[in-house]
Amino acid sequence: MQIELITILKIIGMIAIGAMIGAVTNHLAIRMLFRPLEAKYIGKYRIPFTPGLIPKRRDELAANLGRTVVKHLVTPGGIGKRLRQPAMHEAVTGLVTTEIMKWLHSDVTVRTVVSRFIEQPEQKMRDKIGDTLEHELTDMMSGLKRSTIEEVVGEAGVGKIKTVIPEIVDALLKQTDVYFDSPEGKMQLEETTARFIQGKLGGGMFGMLLANINLVEMIQPEIKRVLQGESTRRFITQMVDQEIGQVMNRPIHTLLDETIEQQVIERIKSEILNRIPLTQALDLPLHHYLSRFEEKIRSEFVPLIVDRLIEQSANHAERIMMTLDIESIVRDEVDLLDTQYLEEIVLSISRKEFRAITWLGGLLGGLIGMIQAILVIA
């Protein structure tokens, strides 16, 4: 009886010892995945199995995890499918609408916004507009210089010029008449008459005789009568008309030199720039320009932009992922994790499984101990 009790105790002991060895071995193996965190040395010799498996092969783990995420978890197809879901479309639409509405009702001026991207926006805009105007005006002048004045002003312009010729002639003749009645005119007429007598008749008796006669009083009425005559008016009008006709048929480049051309371009450019209210336009708030389009932006512009944004993002998901280099991001982020924190993450996910493995080791150890006990006793 005593021998049977001892045998039973041996069997139970061998089972307990085997179970304990199996459980402790599995638990130690699980702990050795992470611990020790650093290599341990005896003198200059590294202790085997230090550091743990995961700390030792951390770089390889990070690289493999990055490849796994890109190939099997975060794929272009999955991203595209996710982006095209109605919930995603609704969320993006709400986000875009909220941001745009902030701009639509913003009191921030255009100058403030533009100044974030461009220094001295007004001056640069004026310089840009001025350069463009100068280029365009130079091209325009190059084309115009090969044309005649008549081609530039057109038939209507030529007709308008010709209609004012009689008025110009009348004004000219009137001013001439007034001039000869003035003291300056009379003096000029006296000097001209004196020079004529002196040049044609000399200082002879006949010349001295005529010098004593007031010829100006005799000539002046005749000159005024001629100037006021209809034939004179017609003659001058025809002469002016012919001269204007000749000028109209001349190419413009014969009337302009480079200096005058540049002055014309600068004057036109200056006038246009002075009439552009850039200062006022830049100092107005954004809502001054955008508020009137609020409904159209909300109902048409935002949905269109969101549709195109999502569709383009989905179609180019692979290129976007390649540009972002998701694999490198995952690898770098995992590599930056503290090893102890990484252990906590793994244990938080697999704690139950690791405990089950430990108990399984104990169970297998116990079975092995029982088999050994049976073999020994048999």
Protein backbone atom coordinates (compact mmCIF):
# COMPACT_ATOMS: atom_id res chain seq x y z
CA MET A 1 0.00 0.00 0.00
CA GLN A 2 2.81 2.32 0.86
CA ILE A 3 4.53 1.44 -2.44
CA GLU A 4 1.39 2.38 -4.43
CA LEU A 5 1.16 5.75 -2.66
CA ILE A 6 4.78 6.51 -3.45
CA THR A 7 4.16 5.56 -7.08
CA ILE A 8 1.16 7.86 -7.29
CA LEU A 9 3.12 10.72 -5.76
CA LYS A 10 5.93 10.15 -8.26
CA ILE A 11 3.44 10.24 -11.14
CA ILE A 12 1.85 13.44 -9.82
CA GLY A 13 5.27 14.98 -9.22
CA MET A 14 6.52 14.13 -12.69
CA ILE A 15 3.31 15.53 -14.22
CA ALA A 16 3.61 18.74 -12.13
CA ILE A 17 7.28 19.14 -12.90
CA GLY A 18 6.67 18.60 -16.65
CA ALA A 19 3.74 21.02 -16.64
CA MET A 20 5.79 23.63 -14.79
CA ILE A 21 8.73 23.18 -17.14
CA GLY A 22 6.48 23.48 -20.22
CA ALA A 23 4.69 26.57 -18.91
CA VAL A 24 7.89 28.28 -17.74
CA THR A 25 9.65 27.44 -21.02
CA ASN A 26 6.85 28.92 -23.18
CA HIS A 27 6.55 31.97 -20.94
CA LEU A 28 10.30 32.50 -21.10
CA ALA A 29 10.24 32.07 -24.89
CA ILE A 30 7.52 34.71 -25.19
CA ARG A 31 9.44 37.06 -22.94
CA MET A 32 12.58 36.51 -25.00
CA LEU A 33 10.76 37.97 -28.00
CA PHE A 34 11.19 41.37 -26.37
CA ARG A 35 13.62 41.02 -23.46
CA PRO A 36 16.22 41.99 -22.81
CA LEU A 37 15.87 45.24 -24.63
CA GLU A 38 19.62 45.60 -25.06
CA ALA A 39 22.53 43.23 -25.53
CA LYS A 40 24.12 41.93 -22.30
CA TYR A 41 27.84 41.27 -22.00
CA ILE A 42 30.15 39.31 -19.73
CA GLY A 43 33.37 41.14 -20.19
CA LYS A 44 33.69 41.58 -23.92
CA TYR A 45 31.53 38.55 -24.78
CA ARG A 46 27.87 39.03 -25.62
CA ILE A 47 25.47 36.73 -23.82
CA PRO A 48 23.58 34.56 -26.36
CA PHE A 49 19.97 35.48 -27.17
CA THR A 50 20.49 39.09 -26.08
CA PRO A 51 18.91 41.40 -26.98
CA GLY A 52 15.46 39.85 -27.55
CA LEU A 53 14.30 38.74 -30.98
CA ILE A 54 12.23 41.83 -31.78
CA PRO A 55 14.80 44.41 -30.55
CA LYS A 56 17.53 42.52 -32.36
CA ARG A 57 15.65 42.39 -35.66
CA ARG A 58 13.84 45.69 -35.24
CA ASP A 59 14.96 47.11 -38.61
CA GLU A 60 13.88 43.98 -40.45
CA LEU A 61 10.55 44.01 -38.64
CA ALA A 62 9.94 47.67 -39.58
CA ALA A 63 10.84 47.02 -43.24
CA ASN A 64 8.63 43.93 -43.47
CA LEU A 65 5.76 45.72 -41.76
CA GLY A 66 6.07 48.61 -44.24
CA ARG A 67 5.98 46.23 -47.22
CA THR A 68 3.03 44.34 -45.72
CA VAL A 69 1.04 47.52 -45.20
CA VAL A 70 1.61 48.70 -48.78
CA LYS A 71 1.04 45.33 -50.48
CA HIS A 72 -1.87 43.99 -48.46
CA LEU A 73 -3.40 46.65 -46.22
CA VAL A 74 -3.23 50.16 -47.72
CA THR A 75 -3.55 49.46 -51.45
CA PRO A 76 -4.40 51.83 -54.34
CA GLY A 77 -7.56 49.85 -55.04
CA GLY A 78 -8.67 50.02 -51.44
CA ILE A 79 -8.00 53.74 -51.22
CA GLY A 80 -9.86 54.40 -54.49
CA LYS A 81 -12.84 52.35 -53.32
CA ARG A 82 -12.87 54.16 -50.00
CA LEU A 83 -12.66 57.59 -51.62
CA ARG A 84 -15.64 56.87 -53.89
CA GLN A 85 -17.94 55.96 -51.01
CA PRO A 86 -20.89 58.37 -50.45
CA ALA A 87 -19.85 58.94 -46.85
CA MET A 88 -16.41 60.13 -47.94
CA HIS A 89 -17.95 62.37 -50.61
CA GLU A 90 -20.29 63.89 -48.04
CA ALA A 91 -17.49 64.46 -45.54
CA VAL A 92 -15.20 66.11 -48.09
CA THR A 93 -18.07 68.26 -49.39
CA GLY A 94 -18.84 69.46 -45.87
CA LEU A 95 -15.19 70.25 -45.19
CA VAL A 96 -14.70 72.15 -48.45
CA THR A 97 -17.97 74.03 -48.02
CA THR A 98 -17.03 75.10 -44.49
CA GLU A 99 -13.63 76.38 -45.57
CA ILE A 100 -15.00 78.23 -48.60
CA MET A 101 -17.78 79.83 -46.54
CA LYS A 102 -15.11 81.22 -44.21
CA TRP A 103 -13.52 82.97 -47.19
CA LEU A 104 -16.87 84.14 -48.55
CA HIS A 105 -17.69 85.96 -45.31
CA SER A 106 -14.15 87.01 -44.46
CA ASP A 107 -13.23 90.63 -43.78
CA VAL A 108 -9.66 89.93 -44.82
CA THR A 109 -8.62 92.12 -47.74
CA VAL A 110 -7.37 90.85 -51.06
CA ARG A 111 -4.04 92.56 -50.36
CA THR A 112 -3.62 90.56 -47.12
CA VAL A 113 -4.23 87.26 -48.88
CA VAL A 114 -2.06 88.03 -51.87
CA SER A 115 0.74 89.37 -49.66
CA ARG A 116 1.13 85.90 -48.16
CA PHE A 117 2.40 84.70 -51.50
CA ILE A 118 3.75 87.86 -53.18
CA GLU A 119 5.69 90.73 -51.64
CA GLN A 120 4.49 94.22 -52.63
CA PRO A 121 1.63 92.84 -54.74
CA GLU A 122 0.37 96.20 -56.00
CA GLN A 123 3.73 97.31 -57.35
CA LYS A 124 4.39 93.95 -58.94
CA MET A 125 0.95 93.92 -60.52
CA ARG A 126 1.50 97.41 -61.92
CA ASP A 127 4.90 96.38 -63.26
CA LYS A 128 3.42 93.26 -64.82
CA ILE A 129 0.51 95.15 -66.38
CA GLY A 130 2.89 97.88 -67.56
CA ASP A 131 5.22 95.36 -69.21
CA THR A 132 2.29 93.66 -70.89
CA LEU A 133 0.85 96.96 -72.09
CA GLU A 134 4.22 98.11 -73.43
CA HIS A 135 4.69 94.83 -75.29
CA GLU A 136 1.19 94.93 -76.76
CA LEU A 137 1.39 98.62 -77.66
CA THR A 138 4.77 98.10 -79.31
CA ASP A 139 3.33 95.29 -81.40
CA MET A 140 0.32 97.45 -82.22
CA MET A 141 2.52 100.36 -83.26
CA SER A 142 4.64 98.06 -85.42
CA GLY A 143 1.51 97.07 -87.30
CA LEU A 144 0.14 100.59 -87.51
CA LYS A 145 3.38 102.09 -88.82
CA ARG A 146 3.03 100.08 -92.03
CA SER A 147 -0.47 101.49 -92.57
CA THR A 148 -1.51 104.90 -93.85
CA ILE A 149 -3.36 107.41 -91.71
CA GLU A 150 -6.43 106.90 -93.89
CA GLU A 151 -6.37 103.14 -93.20
CA VAL A 152 -6.10 103.78 -89.48
CA VAL A 153 -8.83 106.38 -89.08
CA GLY A 154 -11.07 104.84 -91.77
CA GLU A 155 -13.48 106.53 -94.15
CA ALA A 156 -15.54 107.92 -91.29
CA GLY A 157 -12.48 109.53 -89.77
CA VAL A 158 -11.35 111.02 -93.09
CA GLY A 159 -14.86 112.35 -93.68
CA LYS A 160 -14.92 113.93 -90.25
CA ILE A 161 -11.57 115.63 -90.88
CA LYS A 162 -12.75 117.00 -94.23
CA THR A 163 -15.93 118.40 -92.71
CA VAL A 164 -13.93 120.64 -90.39
CA ILE A 165 -11.60 121.96 -93.13
CA PRO A 166 -13.93 124.91 -94.01
CA GLU A 167 -14.14 125.81 -90.33
CA ILE A 168 -10.36 125.73 -90.04
CA VAL A 169 -9.98 127.89 -93.16
CA ASP A 170 -12.54 130.42 -91.89
CA ALA A 171 -10.79 130.59 -88.54
CA LEU A 172 -7.41 131.01 -90.28
CA LEU A 173 -8.65 133.81 -92.51
CA LYS A 174 -10.34 135.52 -89.59
CA GLN A 175 -7.17 135.43 -87.54
CA THR A 176 -5.21 136.75 -90.55
CA ASP A 177 -7.67 139.64 -90.93
CA VAL A 178 -7.37 140.44 -87.23
CA TYR A 179 -3.58 140.27 -87.49
CA PHE A 180 -3.37 142.83 -90.30
CA ASP A 181 -5.58 145.19 -88.29
CA SER A 182 -3.31 144.90 -85.29
CA PRO A 183 -0.26 147.19 -84.70
CA GLU A 184 2.05 144.21 -85.16
CA GLY A 185 0.45 143.41 -88.50
CA LYS A 186 0.69 146.96 -89.72
CA MET A 187 4.34 147.15 -88.64
CA GLN A 188 5.11 143.89 -90.43
CA LEU A 189 3.37 145.17 -93.57
CA GLU A 190 5.33 148.44 -93.45
CA GLU A 191 8.62 146.59 -93.07
CA THR A 192 7.77 144.24 -95.95
CA THR A 193 6.79 147.16 -98.20
CA ALA A 194 9.94 149.10 -97.33
CA ARG A 195 12.15 146.13 -98.11
CA PHE A 196 10.34 145.60 -101.41
CA ILE A 197 10.84 149.24 -102.49
CA GLN A 198 14.43 149.24 -101.39
CA GLY A 199 15.14 145.96 -103.14
CA LYS A 200 13.35 146.70 -106.43
CA LEU A 201 13.67 150.47 -106.86
CA GLY A 202 16.72 151.29 -104.78
CA GLY A 203 17.29 154.80 -103.46
CA GLY A 204 16.43 156.63 -106.71
CA MET A 205 14.00 159.43 -107.13
CA PHE A 206 11.11 157.10 -107.80
CA GLY A 207 11.93 155.09 -104.71
CA MET A 208 12.14 158.23 -102.59
CA LEU A 209 8.81 159.35 -104.00
CA LEU A 210 7.12 156.09 -103.12
CA ALA A 211 8.71 156.09 -99.69
CA ASN A 212 6.87 159.32 -98.92
CA ILE A 213 3.54 157.71 -99.82
CA ASN A 214 1.80 155.64 -97.15
CA LEU A 215 1.46 152.48 -99.19
CA VAL A 216 0.31 150.42 -96.16
CA GLU A 217 -2.92 152.42 -96.00
CA MET A 218 -3.47 151.60 -99.65
CA ILE A 219 -2.46 147.92 -99.54
CA GLN A 220 -4.08 146.90 -96.29
CA PRO A 221 -7.73 147.23 -97.45
CA GLU A 222 -6.91 145.32 -100.62
CA ILE A 223 -5.28 142.52 -98.68
CA LYS A 224 -8.29 142.26 -96.37
CA ARG A 225 -10.64 142.29 -99.37
CA VAL A 226 -8.71 139.45 -100.98
CA LEU A 227 -8.68 137.47 -97.75
CA GLN A 228 -12.40 137.92 -97.31
CA GLY A 229 -13.16 136.93 -100.88
CA GLU A 230 -14.93 133.67 -101.65
CA SER A 231 -12.36 132.68 -104.26
CA THR A 232 -9.58 132.93 -101.64
CA ARG A 233 -11.59 130.81 -99.25
CA ARG A 234 -12.19 128.16 -101.96
CA PHE A 235 -8.52 128.20 -102.99
CA ILE A 236 -7.20 127.77 -99.47
CA THR A 237 -9.84 125.13 -98.74
CA GLN A 238 -8.82 123.14 -101.83
CA MET A 239 -5.16 123.53 -100.98
CA VAL A 240 -5.69 122.35 -97.39
CA ASP A 241 -7.87 119.48 -98.64
CA GLN A 242 -5.14 118.36 -101.08
CA GLU A 243 -2.45 118.57 -98.42
CA ILE A 244 -4.54 116.60 -95.96
CA GLY A 245 -5.25 114.03 -98.67
CA GLN A 246 -1.52 113.62 -99.29
CA VAL A 247 -0.84 113.33 -95.56
CA MET A 248 -3.60 110.72 -95.22
CA ASN A 249 -1.96 108.55 -97.87
CA ARG A 250 1.46 108.64 -96.21
CA PRO A 251 2.57 105.65 -94.09
CA ILE A 252 2.54 106.48 -90.41
CA HIS A 253 6.21 105.56 -90.01
CA THR A 254 7.12 108.59 -92.17
CA LEU A 255 5.52 110.85 -89.56
CA LEU A 256 6.99 109.20 -86.46
CA ASP A 257 10.50 108.60 -85.24
CA GLU A 258 11.53 106.26 -82.43
CA THR A 259 11.45 109.01 -79.82
CA ILE A 260 7.91 110.10 -80.67
CA GLU A 261 6.76 106.48 -80.90
CA GLN A 262 8.14 105.69 -77.45
CA GLN A 263 6.55 108.85 -76.04
CA VAL A 264 3.17 107.81 -77.46
CA ILE A 265 3.51 104.31 -76.00
CA GLU A 266 4.54 105.65 -72.58
CA ARG A 267 1.69 108.16 -72.56
CA ILE A 268 -0.94 105.56 -73.44
CA LYS A 269 0.51 103.08 -70.91
CA SER A 270 0.57 105.74 -68.20
CA GLU A 271 -3.03 106.76 -68.88
CA ILE A 272 -4.25 103.17 -68.75
CA LEU A 273 -2.35 102.38 -65.54
CA ASN A 274 -3.67 105.53 -63.87
CA ARG A 275 -7.22 104.48 -64.70
CA ILE A 276 -6.87 100.98 -63.19
CA PRO A 277 -7.99 101.18 -59.52
CA LEU A 278 -5.54 98.60 -58.21
CA THR A 279 -5.22 100.16 -54.76
CA GLN A 280 -8.96 100.20 -54.21
CA ALA A 281 -9.37 96.68 -55.61
CA LEU A 282 -6.69 95.22 -53.33
CA ASP A 283 -7.98 96.97 -50.19
CA LEU A 284 -11.53 95.64 -50.52
CA PRO A 285 -12.45 92.58 -48.37
CA LEU A 286 -12.87 89.17 -49.97
CA HIS A 287 -16.61 89.06 -49.33
CA HIS A 288 -17.03 92.13 -51.54
CA TYR A 289 -16.10 89.99 -54.53
CA LEU A 290 -17.32 86.56 -53.43
CA SER A 291 -20.57 87.10 -51.50
CA ARG A 292 -22.64 87.59 -54.65
CA PHE A 293 -21.59 84.13 -55.86
CA GLU A 294 -22.27 82.33 -52.56
CA GLU A 295 -25.27 80.28 -53.70
CA LYS A 296 -23.68 79.37 -57.00
CA ILE A 297 -20.46 78.36 -55.27
CA ARG A 298 -22.30 76.27 -52.68
CA SER A 299 -24.65 74.48 -55.09
CA GLU A 300 -22.49 74.15 -58.22
CA PHE A 301 -18.84 74.96 -57.67
CA VAL A 302 -18.21 72.93 -54.48
CA PRO A 303 -19.84 69.67 -55.71
CA LEU A 304 -17.99 69.94 -59.00
CA ILE A 305 -14.65 70.53 -57.28
CA VAL A 306 -15.22 67.69 -54.80
CA ASP A 307 -16.25 65.26 -57.57
CA ARG A 308 -13.15 66.05 -59.59
CA LEU A 309 -10.90 66.03 -56.55
CA ILE A 310 -12.11 62.61 -55.39
CA GLU A 311 -12.08 61.12 -58.89
CA GLN A 312 -8.59 62.39 -59.63
CA SER A 313 -7.34 61.22 -56.23
CA ALA A 314 -8.86 57.77 -56.76
CA ASN A 315 -7.49 57.48 -60.30
CA HIS A 316 -4.01 58.51 -59.20
CA ALA A 317 -3.99 56.74 -55.83
CA GLU A 318 -1.05 54.57 -56.84
CA ARG A 319 1.00 57.59 -57.93
CA ILE A 320 0.07 59.44 -54.73
CA MET A 321 1.15 56.46 -52.63
CA MET A 322 4.41 56.22 -54.54
CA THR A 323 5.00 59.93 -54.00
CA LEU A 324 4.19 59.70 -50.30
CA ASP A 325 6.24 56.46 -50.04
CA ILE A 326 3.92 54.82 -47.50
CA GLU A 327 6.35 51.95 -47.01
CA SER A 328 9.08 54.33 -45.84
CA ILE A 329 6.65 56.20 -43.59
CA VAL A 330 5.55 52.99 -41.85
CA ARG A 331 9.14 51.74 -41.58
CA ASP A 332 10.40 55.02 -40.14
CA GLU A 333 7.51 55.34 -37.69
CA VAL A 334 7.92 51.77 -36.43
CA ASP A 335 11.65 52.27 -36.16
CA LEU A 336 11.06 55.36 -34.03
CA LEU A 337 8.82 53.50 -31.56
CA ASP A 338 10.29 52.72 -28.18
CA THR A 339 10.87 48.94 -27.89
CA GLN A 340 9.04 48.76 -24.57
CA TYR A 341 6.09 50.60 -26.06
CA LEU A 342 6.15 48.21 -29.05
CA GLU A 343 6.05 45.33 -26.56
CA GLU A 344 3.03 46.84 -24.85
CA ILE A 345 1.27 47.19 -28.23
CA VAL A 346 1.90 43.55 -29.14
CA LEU A 347 0.92 42.30 -25.68
CA SER A 348 -2.25 44.40 -25.66
CA ILE A 349 -3.29 42.66 -28.86
CA SER A 350 -2.06 39.12 -28.12
CA ARG A 351 -2.04 38.89 -24.33
CA LYS A 352 -4.77 36.22 -24.28
CA GLU A 353 -3.05 34.23 -27.00
CA PHE A 354 0.31 34.39 -25.21
CA ARG A 355 -1.37 33.26 -21.96
CA ALA A 356 -3.00 30.40 -23.82
CA ILE A 357 0.40 29.42 -25.26
CA THR A 358 1.85 29.43 -21.74
CA TRP A 359 -0.96 27.17 -20.44
CA LEU A 360 -0.62 24.97 -23.52
CA GLY A 361 3.09 24.58 -22.71
CA GLY A 362 2.13 23.56 -19.18
CA LEU A 363 -0.44 21.05 -20.51
CA LEU A 364 2.00 19.50 -22.95
CA GLY A 365 4.69 19.40 -20.26
CA GLY A 366 2.25 17.67 -17.92
CA LEU A 367 1.33 15.07 -20.58
CA ILE A 368 5.00 14.43 -21.29
CA GLY A 369 5.64 14.04 -17.54
CA MET A 370 2.73 11.58 -17.25
CA ILE A 371 4.03 9.54 -20.19
CA GLN A 372 7.49 9.48 -18.66
CA ALA A 373 6.04 8.38 -15.31
CA ILE A 374 4.12 5.54 -16.94
CA LEU A 375 7.20 4.42 -18.83
CA VAL A 376 9.34 4.53 -15.67
CA ILE A 377 6.82 2.67 -13.53
CA ALA A 378 6.10 0.11 -16.23
